[in-house]
N, C-alpha and C. Protein backbone atom coordinates (compact mmCIF):
# COMPACT_ATOMS: atom_id res chain seq x y z
N MET A 1 75.83 46.52 -91.73
CA MET A 1 75.67 45.29 -90.91
C MET A 1 74.13 45.18 -90.54
N THR A 2 73.61 44.19 -90.78
CA THR A 2 72.12 43.91 -90.52
C THR A 2 71.88 43.32 -89.16
N ARG A 3 70.82 43.88 -88.57
CA ARG A 3 70.59 43.44 -87.12
C ARG A 3 69.11 42.83 -87.13
N PRO A 4 68.91 41.54 -87.37
CA PRO A 4 67.57 40.98 -87.54
C PRO A 4 66.94 40.94 -86.09
N TRP A 5 67.75 40.91 -85.13
CA TRP A 5 67.13 40.83 -83.70
C TRP A 5 66.44 42.24 -83.44
N LEU A 6 66.85 43.32 -83.95
CA LEU A 6 66.36 44.66 -83.73
C LEU A 6 64.95 44.96 -83.77
N LEU A 7 64.32 44.57 -84.81
CA LEU A 7 62.87 44.82 -85.15
C LEU A 7 61.96 44.19 -84.09
N PRO A 8 62.16 42.92 -83.75
CA PRO A 8 61.37 42.27 -82.68
C PRO A 8 61.46 42.87 -81.41
N VAL A 9 62.73 43.33 -80.99
CA VAL A 9 62.95 44.03 -79.70
C VAL A 9 62.16 45.35 -79.78
N ILE A 10 62.29 46.12 -80.87
CA ILE A 10 61.64 47.43 -80.90
C ILE A 10 60.04 47.20 -80.83
N ILE A 11 59.50 46.26 -81.43
CA ILE A 11 58.07 46.04 -81.52
C ILE A 11 57.69 45.59 -80.17
N ALA A 12 58.29 44.63 -79.54
CA ALA A 12 57.97 44.18 -78.18
C ALA A 12 58.03 45.32 -77.13
N ALA A 13 59.10 46.19 -77.21
CA ALA A 13 59.22 47.25 -76.32
C ALA A 13 58.13 48.25 -76.58
N VAL A 14 57.76 48.60 -77.78
CA VAL A 14 56.70 49.50 -78.02
C VAL A 14 55.41 48.93 -77.57
N ALA A 15 55.12 47.72 -77.75
CA ALA A 15 53.89 47.01 -77.35
C ALA A 15 53.77 46.96 -75.81
N ALA A 16 54.99 46.66 -75.01
CA ALA A 16 54.90 46.77 -73.66
C ALA A 16 54.63 48.16 -73.12
N LEU A 17 55.36 49.12 -73.76
CA LEU A 17 55.11 50.46 -73.38
C LEU A 17 53.83 51.03 -73.53
N LEU A 18 53.06 50.64 -74.65
CA LEU A 18 51.84 51.09 -74.97
C LEU A 18 50.88 50.48 -73.95
N VAL A 19 50.86 49.23 -73.69
CA VAL A 19 50.06 48.65 -72.68
C VAL A 19 50.28 49.28 -71.33
N ALA A 20 51.50 49.44 -70.86
CA ALA A 20 51.80 50.18 -69.67
C ALA A 20 51.36 51.45 -69.62
N ALA A 21 51.43 52.26 -70.68
CA ALA A 21 50.95 53.66 -70.79
C ALA A 21 49.38 53.73 -70.64
N VAL A 22 48.83 52.91 -71.46
CA VAL A 22 47.40 52.97 -71.32
C VAL A 22 46.85 52.66 -69.93
N GLY A 23 47.33 51.53 -69.53
CA GLY A 23 46.96 51.12 -68.05
C GLY A 23 47.30 52.26 -67.09
N GLY A 24 48.54 52.74 -67.26
CA GLY A 24 48.90 53.75 -66.31
C GLY A 24 48.18 55.05 -66.28
N THR A 25 47.69 55.40 -67.47
CA THR A 25 46.88 56.61 -67.50
C THR A 25 45.53 56.31 -67.05
N MET A 26 45.06 55.13 -67.04
CA MET A 26 43.78 54.71 -66.48
C MET A 26 43.66 54.37 -65.06
N THR A 27 44.86 54.38 -64.35
CA THR A 27 45.02 54.00 -63.03
C THR A 27 44.99 55.37 -62.30
N ASP A 28 43.96 55.60 -61.59
CA ASP A 28 43.83 56.78 -60.80
C ASP A 28 43.82 56.36 -59.16
N THR A 29 44.88 56.73 -58.54
CA THR A 29 45.13 56.21 -57.09
C THR A 29 44.66 57.36 -56.23
N SER A 30 43.99 58.50 -56.81
CA SER A 30 43.63 59.57 -55.82
C SER A 30 42.03 59.38 -55.77
N GLY A 31 41.44 60.18 -55.01
CA GLY A 31 39.98 60.18 -54.93
C GLY A 31 39.30 58.89 -54.28
N TRP A 32 38.48 58.20 -55.25
CA TRP A 32 37.79 57.06 -54.85
C TRP A 32 38.70 55.98 -54.17
N TYR A 33 39.98 55.76 -54.88
CA TYR A 33 40.78 54.73 -54.44
C TYR A 33 41.37 55.03 -53.05
N GLN A 34 41.51 56.28 -52.75
CA GLN A 34 42.12 56.57 -51.41
C GLN A 34 41.03 56.39 -50.26
N THR A 35 39.72 56.26 -50.66
CA THR A 35 38.69 56.05 -49.63
C THR A 35 38.62 54.47 -49.27
N LEU A 36 39.19 53.70 -50.15
CA LEU A 36 39.09 52.34 -49.90
C LEU A 36 39.93 51.85 -48.69
N ARG A 37 39.39 50.92 -47.98
CA ARG A 37 40.24 50.28 -46.94
C ARG A 37 41.15 49.28 -47.64
N GLN A 38 42.44 49.34 -47.24
CA GLN A 38 43.34 48.44 -47.92
C GLN A 38 43.92 47.44 -46.80
N PRO A 39 44.24 46.26 -47.32
CA PRO A 39 44.99 45.41 -46.43
C PRO A 39 46.26 45.96 -45.82
N SER A 40 46.72 45.50 -44.62
CA SER A 40 47.73 46.09 -44.01
C SER A 40 49.05 45.83 -44.90
N TRP A 41 49.11 44.82 -45.54
CA TRP A 41 50.28 44.48 -46.27
C TRP A 41 50.35 44.99 -47.78
N ASN A 42 49.43 46.04 -48.01
CA ASN A 42 49.43 46.59 -49.39
C ASN A 42 50.72 47.26 -49.64
N PRO A 43 51.30 47.00 -50.71
CA PRO A 43 52.63 47.62 -51.02
C PRO A 43 52.44 49.24 -51.25
N LEU A 44 53.47 49.89 -50.85
CA LEU A 44 53.43 51.43 -51.01
C LEU A 44 53.26 51.78 -52.54
N PRO A 45 52.63 52.90 -52.83
CA PRO A 45 52.43 53.19 -54.20
C PRO A 45 53.63 53.15 -55.13
N PRO A 46 54.83 53.62 -54.66
CA PRO A 46 56.03 53.61 -55.58
C PRO A 46 56.42 52.12 -55.92
N ALA A 47 56.09 51.09 -55.06
CA ALA A 47 56.49 49.74 -55.29
C ALA A 47 55.71 49.30 -56.56
N PHE A 48 54.50 49.67 -56.74
CA PHE A 48 53.70 49.31 -58.05
C PHE A 48 54.40 49.70 -59.26
N ALA A 49 54.89 50.85 -59.33
CA ALA A 49 55.64 51.38 -60.48
C ALA A 49 56.77 50.59 -60.81
N ILE A 50 57.62 50.24 -59.67
CA ILE A 50 58.80 49.52 -59.89
C ILE A 50 58.53 48.11 -60.40
N ILE A 51 57.54 47.53 -59.70
CA ILE A 51 57.15 46.04 -60.05
C ILE A 51 56.74 46.01 -61.47
N TRP A 52 55.73 46.91 -61.77
CA TRP A 52 55.23 46.82 -63.21
C TRP A 52 56.25 47.04 -64.20
N THR A 53 57.17 48.03 -63.90
CA THR A 53 58.36 48.26 -64.89
C THR A 53 59.09 46.94 -65.17
N VAL A 54 59.58 46.39 -64.08
CA VAL A 54 60.34 45.08 -64.21
C VAL A 54 59.44 44.13 -64.97
N ILE A 55 58.17 43.99 -64.61
CA ILE A 55 57.32 42.90 -65.25
C ILE A 55 57.11 43.12 -66.67
N PHE A 56 56.77 44.50 -67.12
CA PHE A 56 56.73 44.80 -68.52
C PHE A 56 58.06 44.40 -69.29
N THR A 57 59.05 44.88 -68.72
CA THR A 57 60.44 44.57 -69.35
C THR A 57 60.61 43.03 -69.63
N LEU A 58 60.17 42.21 -68.52
CA LEU A 58 60.39 40.76 -68.60
C LEU A 58 59.30 40.23 -69.63
N ILE A 59 58.10 40.74 -69.71
CA ILE A 59 57.07 40.35 -70.66
C ILE A 59 57.60 40.61 -72.15
N ALA A 60 58.21 41.75 -72.39
CA ALA A 60 58.91 42.11 -73.73
C ALA A 60 60.05 41.17 -73.99
N ALA A 61 60.85 40.83 -73.05
CA ALA A 61 61.94 40.08 -73.31
C ALA A 61 61.51 38.54 -73.50
N ALA A 62 60.38 38.16 -72.87
CA ALA A 62 59.81 36.82 -73.15
C ALA A 62 59.31 36.70 -74.47
N GLY A 63 58.60 37.79 -74.97
CA GLY A 63 58.06 37.87 -76.27
C GLY A 63 59.01 37.79 -77.33
N VAL A 64 60.12 38.55 -77.22
CA VAL A 64 61.15 38.37 -78.20
C VAL A 64 61.85 37.09 -78.26
N THR A 65 62.14 36.57 -77.04
CA THR A 65 62.81 35.31 -76.95
C THR A 65 62.02 34.10 -77.55
N ALA A 66 60.77 34.17 -77.23
CA ALA A 66 59.91 33.02 -77.76
C ALA A 66 59.55 33.24 -79.32
N TRP A 67 59.41 34.47 -79.65
CA TRP A 67 59.09 34.70 -81.07
C TRP A 67 60.27 34.32 -81.92
N ARG A 68 61.50 34.59 -81.47
CA ARG A 68 62.70 34.25 -82.34
C ARG A 68 62.95 32.75 -82.29
N ALA A 69 62.40 31.99 -81.35
CA ALA A 69 62.47 30.51 -81.35
C ALA A 69 61.38 29.84 -82.00
N THR A 70 60.38 30.52 -82.55
CA THR A 70 59.30 29.83 -83.22
C THR A 70 59.64 29.26 -84.55
N PRO A 71 59.25 28.09 -84.88
CA PRO A 71 59.69 27.35 -86.05
C PRO A 71 58.94 28.06 -87.46
N SER A 72 57.88 28.65 -87.22
CA SER A 72 57.07 29.02 -88.39
C SER A 72 56.31 30.33 -88.19
N SER A 73 55.93 30.85 -89.34
CA SER A 73 55.15 32.20 -89.15
C SER A 73 53.78 31.93 -88.51
N ARG A 74 53.24 30.74 -88.71
CA ARG A 74 51.94 30.50 -88.05
C ARG A 74 52.12 30.42 -86.36
N ALA A 75 53.32 29.76 -85.97
CA ALA A 75 53.52 29.68 -84.60
C ALA A 75 53.66 31.05 -84.07
N SER A 76 54.59 31.89 -84.80
CA SER A 76 54.72 33.27 -84.27
C SER A 76 53.59 34.15 -84.22
N ASP A 77 52.66 33.94 -85.28
CA ASP A 77 51.46 34.70 -85.29
C ASP A 77 50.56 34.23 -84.04
N MET A 78 50.61 33.01 -83.83
CA MET A 78 49.74 32.60 -82.49
C MET A 78 50.37 33.19 -81.29
N LEU A 79 51.65 33.20 -81.14
CA LEU A 79 52.30 33.71 -79.98
C LEU A 79 51.92 35.24 -79.87
N ILE A 80 52.13 36.00 -80.93
CA ILE A 80 51.84 37.43 -80.85
C ILE A 80 50.37 37.57 -80.56
N GLY A 81 49.45 36.77 -80.95
CA GLY A 81 48.11 36.85 -80.74
C GLY A 81 47.77 36.69 -79.25
N LEU A 82 48.48 35.71 -78.50
CA LEU A 82 48.36 35.64 -77.16
C LEU A 82 48.89 36.71 -76.30
N PHE A 83 50.03 37.20 -76.69
CA PHE A 83 50.52 38.40 -76.11
C PHE A 83 49.48 39.63 -76.18
N ALA A 84 48.96 39.78 -77.39
CA ALA A 84 47.97 40.85 -77.65
C ALA A 84 46.72 40.57 -76.73
N LEU A 85 46.28 39.40 -76.70
CA LEU A 85 45.08 39.00 -75.77
C LEU A 85 45.36 39.43 -74.31
N ASN A 86 46.74 39.02 -73.94
CA ASN A 86 47.11 39.24 -72.53
C ASN A 86 47.14 40.81 -72.18
N GLY A 87 47.69 41.58 -73.19
CA GLY A 87 47.73 43.02 -72.97
C GLY A 87 46.43 43.57 -72.75
N ALA A 88 45.44 43.11 -73.67
CA ALA A 88 44.03 43.62 -73.57
C ALA A 88 43.42 43.30 -72.30
N LEU A 89 43.63 42.05 -71.89
CA LEU A 89 43.12 41.63 -70.47
C LEU A 89 43.71 42.59 -69.34
N ASN A 90 45.00 42.80 -69.51
CA ASN A 90 45.60 43.50 -68.51
C ASN A 90 44.98 44.95 -68.26
N ILE A 91 44.79 45.60 -69.56
CA ILE A 91 44.15 46.89 -69.57
C ILE A 91 42.70 46.77 -69.09
N THR A 92 41.94 45.77 -69.43
CA THR A 92 40.66 45.66 -69.01
C THR A 92 40.44 45.64 -67.46
N TRP A 93 41.46 44.90 -66.78
CA TRP A 93 41.46 44.89 -65.31
C TRP A 93 41.49 46.20 -64.80
N THR A 94 42.38 47.16 -65.39
CA THR A 94 42.38 48.47 -64.93
C THR A 94 41.23 49.21 -65.12
N ILE A 95 40.62 49.09 -66.32
CA ILE A 95 39.40 49.74 -66.48
C ILE A 95 38.26 49.53 -65.52
N LEU A 96 38.09 48.11 -65.33
CA LEU A 96 37.10 47.58 -64.31
C LEU A 96 37.41 48.07 -62.92
N PHE A 97 38.72 48.01 -62.56
CA PHE A 97 38.93 48.51 -61.16
C PHE A 97 39.00 49.90 -60.81
N PHE A 98 39.70 50.62 -61.72
CA PHE A 98 39.95 52.08 -61.42
C PHE A 98 38.93 53.03 -62.04
N GLN A 99 38.49 52.67 -63.26
CA GLN A 99 37.63 53.54 -64.07
C GLN A 99 36.11 53.32 -63.79
N LEU A 100 35.70 52.05 -63.74
CA LEU A 100 34.34 51.71 -63.35
C LEU A 100 34.20 51.53 -61.85
N ARG A 101 35.26 51.43 -61.00
CA ARG A 101 35.29 51.36 -59.57
C ARG A 101 34.45 50.10 -59.32
N ARG A 102 34.75 49.04 -59.83
CA ARG A 102 34.11 47.61 -59.68
C ARG A 102 35.31 46.56 -59.25
N PRO A 103 35.83 46.69 -58.22
CA PRO A 103 36.76 45.64 -57.89
C PRO A 103 36.23 44.17 -57.97
N ASP A 104 35.00 44.04 -57.77
CA ASP A 104 34.36 42.75 -57.81
C ASP A 104 34.36 42.27 -59.29
N TRP A 105 33.96 43.08 -60.22
CA TRP A 105 34.11 42.68 -61.71
C TRP A 105 35.54 42.54 -62.03
N ALA A 106 36.37 43.34 -61.45
CA ALA A 106 37.87 43.13 -61.81
C ALA A 106 38.40 41.85 -61.36
N MET A 107 37.85 41.45 -60.24
CA MET A 107 38.36 40.04 -59.61
C MET A 107 37.93 38.96 -60.56
N ILE A 108 36.74 39.09 -61.20
CA ILE A 108 36.40 38.06 -61.97
C ILE A 108 37.21 37.98 -63.36
N GLU A 109 37.35 39.25 -63.83
CA GLU A 109 38.35 39.47 -64.99
C GLU A 109 39.74 38.95 -64.74
N LEU A 110 40.23 39.14 -63.49
CA LEU A 110 41.48 38.80 -63.12
C LEU A 110 41.83 37.27 -63.30
N VAL A 111 40.69 36.54 -63.15
CA VAL A 111 40.87 35.05 -63.44
C VAL A 111 41.25 34.85 -64.84
N ALA A 112 40.61 35.53 -65.84
CA ALA A 112 40.83 35.36 -67.08
C ALA A 112 42.32 35.84 -67.49
N LEU A 113 42.78 37.09 -66.76
CA LEU A 113 44.05 37.53 -67.02
C LEU A 113 45.14 36.43 -66.50
N TRP A 114 44.82 35.95 -65.37
CA TRP A 114 45.73 34.97 -64.78
C TRP A 114 45.89 33.70 -65.74
N LEU A 115 44.70 33.22 -66.32
CA LEU A 115 44.67 32.17 -67.28
C LEU A 115 45.37 32.45 -68.56
N SER A 116 45.36 33.67 -68.92
CA SER A 116 46.03 34.11 -70.09
C SER A 116 47.55 34.08 -70.00
N ILE A 117 47.96 34.49 -68.73
CA ILE A 117 49.43 34.36 -68.43
C ILE A 117 49.89 32.95 -68.35
N ALA A 118 49.09 32.06 -67.82
CA ALA A 118 49.45 30.62 -67.82
C ALA A 118 49.48 29.97 -69.10
N VAL A 119 48.54 30.35 -69.98
CA VAL A 119 48.51 29.83 -71.38
C VAL A 119 49.63 30.46 -72.15
N LEU A 120 50.01 31.69 -72.02
CA LEU A 120 51.03 32.37 -72.59
C LEU A 120 52.37 31.62 -72.17
N GLY A 121 52.59 31.33 -70.89
CA GLY A 121 53.76 30.67 -70.41
C GLY A 121 53.86 29.32 -71.00
N PHE A 122 52.84 28.53 -71.22
CA PHE A 122 52.91 27.32 -71.80
C PHE A 122 53.17 27.29 -73.27
N ALA A 123 52.56 28.37 -73.94
CA ALA A 123 52.88 28.59 -75.34
C ALA A 123 54.31 28.96 -75.57
N CYS A 124 54.90 29.72 -74.70
CA CYS A 124 56.29 30.14 -74.84
C CYS A 124 57.16 29.00 -74.59
N ALA A 125 56.82 28.21 -73.64
CA ALA A 125 57.71 26.97 -73.25
C ALA A 125 57.86 26.07 -74.29
N ARG A 126 56.81 25.96 -75.25
CA ARG A 126 56.94 25.11 -76.53
C ARG A 126 58.12 25.43 -77.43
N HIS A 127 58.60 26.78 -77.23
CA HIS A 127 59.63 27.31 -78.09
C HIS A 127 60.93 27.74 -77.39
N SER A 128 60.75 28.19 -76.09
CA SER A 128 61.77 28.55 -75.26
C SER A 128 61.48 28.55 -73.88
N ARG A 129 62.25 27.68 -73.21
CA ARG A 129 62.07 27.55 -71.72
C ARG A 129 62.40 28.92 -70.98
N LEU A 130 63.40 29.59 -71.52
CA LEU A 130 63.77 30.99 -70.92
C LEU A 130 62.55 31.94 -71.14
N ALA A 131 61.91 31.90 -72.30
CA ALA A 131 60.72 32.83 -72.38
C ALA A 131 59.70 32.53 -71.34
N ALA A 132 59.41 31.21 -71.12
CA ALA A 132 58.40 30.82 -70.14
C ALA A 132 58.83 31.30 -68.71
N LEU A 133 60.11 31.06 -68.33
CA LEU A 133 60.61 31.53 -67.09
C LEU A 133 60.56 33.03 -66.79
N LEU A 134 60.65 33.75 -67.89
CA LEU A 134 60.65 35.26 -67.84
C LEU A 134 59.16 35.70 -67.45
N LEU A 135 58.19 34.88 -67.70
CA LEU A 135 56.85 35.20 -67.35
C LEU A 135 56.40 34.77 -65.92
N VAL A 136 57.19 33.98 -65.29
CA VAL A 136 56.82 33.52 -63.96
C VAL A 136 56.63 34.65 -62.94
N PRO A 137 57.48 35.85 -62.89
CA PRO A 137 57.22 36.94 -62.06
C PRO A 137 55.88 37.64 -62.31
N TYR A 138 55.52 37.62 -63.54
CA TYR A 138 54.27 38.20 -63.98
C TYR A 138 52.97 37.38 -63.33
N LEU A 139 53.17 36.10 -63.52
CA LEU A 139 52.02 35.32 -62.84
C LEU A 139 52.09 35.42 -61.33
N VAL A 140 53.24 35.49 -60.71
CA VAL A 140 53.28 35.62 -59.36
C VAL A 140 52.66 36.99 -58.93
N TRP A 141 53.06 38.02 -59.63
CA TRP A 141 52.52 39.39 -59.29
C TRP A 141 51.07 39.38 -59.40
N VAL A 142 50.57 38.81 -60.46
CA VAL A 142 49.12 38.91 -60.78
C VAL A 142 48.46 37.98 -59.77
N THR A 143 49.01 37.00 -59.17
CA THR A 143 48.46 36.18 -58.16
C THR A 143 48.26 37.02 -56.87
N ILE A 144 49.35 37.79 -56.48
CA ILE A 144 49.37 38.66 -55.33
C ILE A 144 48.42 39.76 -55.60
N ALA A 145 48.28 40.40 -56.79
CA ALA A 145 47.37 41.38 -57.00
C ALA A 145 45.91 40.86 -56.85
N GLY A 146 45.79 39.65 -57.23
CA GLY A 146 44.43 38.97 -57.00
C GLY A 146 44.00 38.86 -55.67
N VAL A 147 45.05 38.53 -54.68
CA VAL A 147 44.79 38.41 -53.23
C VAL A 147 44.35 39.90 -52.71
N LEU A 148 45.17 40.86 -53.14
CA LEU A 148 44.96 42.23 -52.76
C LEU A 148 43.44 42.63 -53.32
N ASN A 149 43.23 42.38 -54.54
CA ASN A 149 41.81 42.66 -55.14
C ASN A 149 40.80 42.05 -54.22
N TRP A 150 40.96 40.79 -53.91
CA TRP A 150 39.94 40.05 -53.17
C TRP A 150 39.91 40.71 -51.73
N GLN A 151 40.89 41.15 -51.12
CA GLN A 151 40.81 41.70 -49.81
C GLN A 151 40.29 43.14 -49.83
N VAL A 152 40.34 43.85 -50.89
CA VAL A 152 39.68 45.08 -51.14
C VAL A 152 38.26 44.89 -51.23
N ILE A 153 37.82 43.91 -51.85
CA ILE A 153 36.36 43.54 -51.92
C ILE A 153 35.87 43.16 -50.51
N GLN A 154 36.63 42.32 -49.83
CA GLN A 154 36.21 41.90 -48.54
C GLN A 154 36.11 43.06 -47.51
N LEU A 155 37.03 43.98 -47.55
CA LEU A 155 37.02 45.24 -46.73
C LEU A 155 36.14 46.36 -47.04
N ASN A 156 35.65 46.34 -48.40
CA ASN A 156 34.84 47.53 -48.76
C ASN A 156 33.58 47.15 -49.40
N GLY A 157 33.30 45.97 -49.84
CA GLY A 157 32.02 45.51 -50.55
C GLY A 157 30.83 45.75 -49.63
N PRO A 158 29.74 45.61 -50.29
CA PRO A 158 29.49 45.28 -51.86
C PRO A 158 29.74 46.47 -52.66
N PHE A 159 30.01 46.11 -53.89
CA PHE A 159 30.07 47.23 -54.92
C PHE A 159 29.00 47.35 -55.83
């Protein structure tokens, strides 16, 4: 029995795990990060792991759902490219914030990340409303992360 749905699921899961793993290994919440003043409403560290796990699962599900609904290889290639760009921007934010210790640069990059999620949502919506809806929590979370990032800058800057 052939399972044509299995390969896209595996690829999306591996891609999401790869982005999550790279970002996770570059996220150092000890040392420098501990010296930063945080807003009072900053989520506890375990919440970040839970939130990102759910979000990466939803991103992978959105990718598979939209990809399966694309009418052509050109449309699916475009969609895959948008997901890859978004993954790269996600990792870049982590590098800027945690590795280079530049929340100010990360804030600027976060605008590009946010826009890439919005574009990805619109691109997915062309093929699957469900795929677009699966990306809404990601957009909401990055918006919250943006406010957190901005408050870290306000409480600790200049960098």
